[in-house]
Amino acid sequence: MVDLRYFAWLRERIGTSHEQMNTDAETVADLVEELKARDDVYAQVFSDPAGIRVAVDQELVEFDAPLKNTREVAFFPPMTGG
C-alpha cells in the first residue's frame, strides 16, 4: 500500500489531497500510467509530466525512480523562487 499525496492544482483537479493505492508499479512512471488508466481526470492531470514534480518518501526524484519499499509518493507543481 502506497500513500499518494497531491498538492496545489493537482489536488484541485483530482478532488483529493490524499489516497492509498495498492500497486505493482516498479517506478514512478509506472505508477503514473496506472493512475492515468483509472479515469479521464487522472489522464488529464498526468498528461504532461514535465509540469509535475514528484517526491518519494519526501525526497525529490525523477519519474524513473524505483518504488520498491516506498511508503509515500507526492505529486506537486514545480516550485518557483522569488
N, C-alpha and C. Protein backbone atom coordinates (compact mmCIF):
# COMPACT_ATOMS: atom_id res chain seq x y z
N MET A 1 0.85 -1.18 0.00
CA MET A 1 0.00 0.00 0.00
C MET A 1 0.89 1.24 0.00
N VAL A 2 0.60 2.15 -0.91
CA VAL A 2 1.36 3.40 -1.03
C VAL A 2 0.42 4.57 -0.76
N ASP A 3 0.88 5.51 0.05
CA ASP A 3 0.14 6.75 0.26
C ASP A 3 0.47 7.69 -0.89
N LEU A 4 -0.55 8.21 -1.53
CA LEU A 4 -0.38 9.19 -2.60
C LEU A 4 -0.84 10.54 -2.08
N ARG A 5 -0.04 11.55 -2.32
CA ARG A 5 -0.36 12.92 -1.89
C ARG A 5 -0.36 13.82 -3.12
N TYR A 6 -1.34 14.70 -3.18
CA TYR A 6 -1.47 15.64 -4.29
C TYR A 6 -1.52 17.05 -3.73
N PHE A 7 -0.80 17.97 -4.37
CA PHE A 7 -0.73 19.34 -3.88
C PHE A 7 -1.12 20.32 -4.99
N ALA A 8 -1.57 21.49 -4.55
CA ALA A 8 -1.90 22.62 -5.42
C ALA A 8 -2.93 22.23 -6.48
N TRP A 9 -2.67 22.56 -7.75
CA TRP A 9 -3.67 22.32 -8.80
C TRP A 9 -3.93 20.83 -9.02
N LEU A 10 -2.99 19.97 -8.70
CA LEU A 10 -3.25 18.52 -8.84
C LEU A 10 -4.34 18.10 -7.87
N ARG A 11 -4.25 18.58 -6.63
CA ARG A 11 -5.26 18.27 -5.62
C ARG A 11 -6.63 18.78 -6.06
N GLU A 12 -6.65 20.00 -6.59
CA GLU A 12 -7.92 20.59 -7.02
C GLU A 12 -8.56 19.80 -8.15
N ARG A 13 -7.78 19.39 -9.11
CA ARG A 13 -8.33 18.67 -10.27
C ARG A 13 -8.70 17.24 -9.94
N ILE A 14 -7.89 16.57 -9.11
CA ILE A 14 -8.20 15.18 -8.75
C ILE A 14 -9.33 15.14 -7.74
N GLY A 15 -9.41 16.16 -6.89
CA GLY A 15 -10.51 16.24 -5.93
C GLY A 15 -10.18 15.68 -4.56
N THR A 16 -8.92 15.37 -4.32
CA THR A 16 -8.50 14.89 -3.01
C THR A 16 -7.03 15.22 -2.80
N SER A 17 -6.63 15.33 -1.55
CA SER A 17 -5.23 15.60 -1.27
C SER A 17 -4.46 14.33 -0.94
N HIS A 18 -5.20 13.24 -0.70
CA HIS A 18 -4.55 12.02 -0.23
C HIS A 18 -5.39 10.80 -0.58
N GLU A 19 -4.73 9.75 -0.97
CA GLU A 19 -5.39 8.46 -1.13
C GLU A 19 -4.36 7.36 -0.98
N GLN A 20 -4.83 6.15 -0.76
CA GLN A 20 -3.95 5.00 -0.68
C GLN A 20 -4.23 4.10 -1.87
N MET A 21 -3.18 3.42 -2.31
CA MET A 21 -3.32 2.60 -3.51
C MET A 21 -2.42 1.38 -3.41
N ASN A 22 -2.97 0.24 -3.76
CA ASN A 22 -2.15 -0.95 -3.95
C ASN A 22 -1.62 -0.91 -5.36
N THR A 23 -0.32 -1.12 -5.51
CA THR A 23 0.28 -1.04 -6.83
C THR A 23 1.42 -2.04 -6.97
N ASP A 24 1.61 -2.50 -8.17
CA ASP A 24 2.76 -3.33 -8.50
C ASP A 24 3.77 -2.54 -9.33
N ALA A 25 3.57 -1.23 -9.42
CA ALA A 25 4.45 -0.37 -10.22
C ALA A 25 5.88 -0.48 -9.71
N GLU A 26 6.80 -0.55 -10.64
CA GLU A 26 8.22 -0.61 -10.28
C GLU A 26 8.86 0.76 -10.22
N THR A 27 8.30 1.73 -10.95
CA THR A 27 8.84 3.09 -10.97
C THR A 27 7.70 4.09 -10.82
N VAL A 28 8.06 5.33 -10.58
CA VAL A 28 7.06 6.39 -10.53
C VAL A 28 6.31 6.47 -11.85
N ALA A 29 7.02 6.35 -12.96
CA ALA A 29 6.38 6.40 -14.29
C ALA A 29 5.34 5.30 -14.44
N ASP A 30 5.65 4.11 -13.94
CA ASP A 30 4.68 3.01 -13.99
C ASP A 30 3.44 3.34 -13.15
N LEU A 31 3.67 3.94 -11.99
CA LEU A 31 2.56 4.34 -11.13
C LEU A 31 1.69 5.37 -11.83
N VAL A 32 2.31 6.34 -12.48
CA VAL A 32 1.56 7.36 -13.21
C VAL A 32 0.72 6.72 -14.31
N GLU A 33 1.25 5.73 -14.99
CA GLU A 33 0.47 5.04 -16.03
C GLU A 33 -0.74 4.34 -15.42
N GLU A 34 -0.57 3.74 -14.25
CA GLU A 34 -1.71 3.11 -13.55
C GLU A 34 -2.76 4.16 -13.20
N LEU A 35 -2.31 5.30 -12.71
CA LEU A 35 -3.25 6.37 -12.36
C LEU A 35 -3.99 6.87 -13.59
N LYS A 36 -3.26 7.09 -14.68
CA LYS A 36 -3.89 7.57 -15.91
C LYS A 36 -4.93 6.60 -16.44
N ALA A 37 -4.74 5.32 -16.21
CA ALA A 37 -5.69 4.32 -16.68
C ALA A 37 -6.96 4.29 -15.82
N ARG A 38 -6.93 4.90 -14.65
CA ARG A 38 -8.10 4.91 -13.77
C ARG A 38 -9.30 5.59 -14.40
N ASP A 39 -9.08 6.83 -14.85
CA ASP A 39 -10.17 7.58 -15.50
C ASP A 39 -9.61 8.82 -16.18
N ASP A 40 -10.50 9.55 -16.81
CA ASP A 40 -10.09 10.72 -17.61
C ASP A 40 -9.49 11.85 -16.77
N VAL A 41 -9.93 11.99 -15.52
CA VAL A 41 -9.39 13.05 -14.68
C VAL A 41 -7.90 12.83 -14.45
N TYR A 42 -7.52 11.62 -14.04
CA TYR A 42 -6.11 11.31 -13.83
C TYR A 42 -5.34 11.41 -15.15
N ALA A 43 -5.93 10.94 -16.22
CA ALA A 43 -5.27 11.00 -17.54
C ALA A 43 -4.96 12.45 -17.91
N GLN A 44 -5.89 13.34 -17.63
CA GLN A 44 -5.66 14.75 -17.95
C GLN A 44 -4.61 15.36 -17.02
N VAL A 45 -4.70 15.10 -15.73
CA VAL A 45 -3.76 15.66 -14.77
C VAL A 45 -2.33 15.24 -15.08
N PHE A 46 -2.15 13.98 -15.45
CA PHE A 46 -0.80 13.46 -15.69
C PHE A 46 -0.42 13.43 -17.17
N SER A 47 -1.15 14.18 -18.00
CA SER A 47 -0.87 14.17 -19.44
C SER A 47 0.46 14.82 -19.80
N ASP A 48 0.95 15.74 -18.96
CA ASP A 48 2.21 16.41 -19.23
C ASP A 48 3.11 16.33 -18.00
N PRO A 49 3.87 15.24 -17.88
CA PRO A 49 4.71 15.07 -16.69
C PRO A 49 5.76 16.17 -16.51
N ALA A 50 6.08 16.90 -17.57
CA ALA A 50 7.07 17.98 -17.46
C ALA A 50 6.59 19.07 -16.50
N GLY A 51 5.27 19.17 -16.29
CA GLY A 51 4.72 20.18 -15.40
C GLY A 51 4.45 19.67 -14.01
N ILE A 52 5.01 18.51 -13.67
CA ILE A 52 4.77 17.89 -12.36
C ILE A 52 6.10 17.47 -11.75
N ARG A 53 6.24 17.70 -10.47
CA ARG A 53 7.39 17.20 -9.72
C ARG A 53 6.91 16.09 -8.81
N VAL A 54 7.83 15.23 -8.41
CA VAL A 54 7.45 14.09 -7.58
C VAL A 54 8.49 13.87 -6.49
N ALA A 55 7.99 13.47 -5.33
CA ALA A 55 8.86 13.10 -4.21
C ALA A 55 8.46 11.69 -3.75
N VAL A 56 9.45 10.88 -3.51
CA VAL A 56 9.24 9.54 -2.97
C VAL A 56 9.79 9.53 -1.55
N ASP A 57 8.93 9.23 -0.61
CA ASP A 57 9.30 9.28 0.81
C ASP A 57 10.03 10.58 1.14
N GLN A 58 9.46 11.68 0.67
CA GLN A 58 9.87 13.06 0.94
C GLN A 58 11.23 13.42 0.35
N GLU A 59 11.65 12.71 -0.70
CA GLU A 59 12.88 13.05 -1.41
C GLU A 59 12.55 13.28 -2.87
N LEU A 60 12.95 14.45 -3.41
CA LEU A 60 12.69 14.74 -4.81
C LEU A 60 13.37 13.72 -5.71
N VAL A 61 12.61 13.19 -6.67
CA VAL A 61 13.14 12.17 -7.58
C VAL A 61 12.62 12.45 -8.99
N GLU A 62 13.15 11.71 -9.94
CA GLU A 62 12.67 11.74 -11.32
C GLU A 62 11.61 10.65 -11.49
N PHE A 63 10.94 10.66 -12.62
CA PHE A 63 9.87 9.70 -12.86
C PHE A 63 10.39 8.27 -13.06
N ASP A 64 11.68 8.11 -13.29
CA ASP A 64 12.23 6.77 -13.44
C ASP A 64 12.69 6.18 -12.10
N ALA A 65 12.42 6.88 -11.00
CA ALA A 65 12.83 6.41 -9.67
C ALA A 65 12.09 5.13 -9.29
N PRO A 66 12.79 4.19 -8.67
CA PRO A 66 12.15 2.94 -8.25
C PRO A 66 11.21 3.17 -7.06
N LEU A 67 10.22 2.29 -6.95
CA LEU A 67 9.23 2.40 -5.87
C LEU A 67 9.34 1.28 -4.84
N LYS A 68 10.31 0.43 -4.95
CA LYS A 68 10.42 -0.70 -4.02
C LYS A 68 10.49 -0.17 -2.58
N ASN A 69 9.63 -0.70 -1.73
CA ASN A 69 9.55 -0.34 -0.30
C ASN A 69 9.15 1.12 -0.05
N THR A 70 8.52 1.75 -1.03
CA THR A 70 8.07 3.13 -0.88
C THR A 70 6.81 3.20 -0.04
N ARG A 71 6.77 4.20 0.84
CA ARG A 71 5.57 4.41 1.65
C ARG A 71 4.71 5.55 1.13
N GLU A 72 5.36 6.59 0.56
CA GLU A 72 4.62 7.76 0.13
C GLU A 72 5.17 8.31 -1.19
N VAL A 73 4.24 8.69 -2.07
CA VAL A 73 4.59 9.38 -3.31
C VAL A 73 3.77 10.67 -3.34
N ALA A 74 4.45 11.78 -3.50
CA ALA A 74 3.78 13.08 -3.55
C ALA A 74 3.98 13.73 -4.90
N PHE A 75 2.90 14.29 -5.44
CA PHE A 75 2.93 14.98 -6.73
C PHE A 75 2.59 16.45 -6.50
N PHE A 76 3.34 17.35 -7.15
CA PHE A 76 3.12 18.77 -6.97
C PHE A 76 3.68 19.53 -8.17
N PRO A 77 3.23 20.77 -8.36
CA PRO A 77 3.77 21.56 -9.46
C PRO A 77 5.20 22.01 -9.17
N PRO A 78 5.92 22.41 -10.20
CA PRO A 78 7.28 22.91 -9.98
C PRO A 78 7.26 24.10 -9.02
N MET A 79 8.29 24.18 -8.21
CA MET A 79 8.41 25.28 -7.26
C MET A 79 9.10 26.45 -7.94
N THR A 80 8.69 27.64 -7.56
CA THR A 80 9.32 28.82 -8.13
C THR A 80 9.97 29.62 -7.01
N GLY A 81 11.02 30.30 -7.35
CA GLY A 81 11.71 31.14 -6.38
C GLY A 81 11.17 32.55 -6.43
N GLY A 82 11.59 33.34 -5.49
CA GLY A 82 11.09 34.70 -5.53
C GLY A 82 11.76 35.60 -4.57
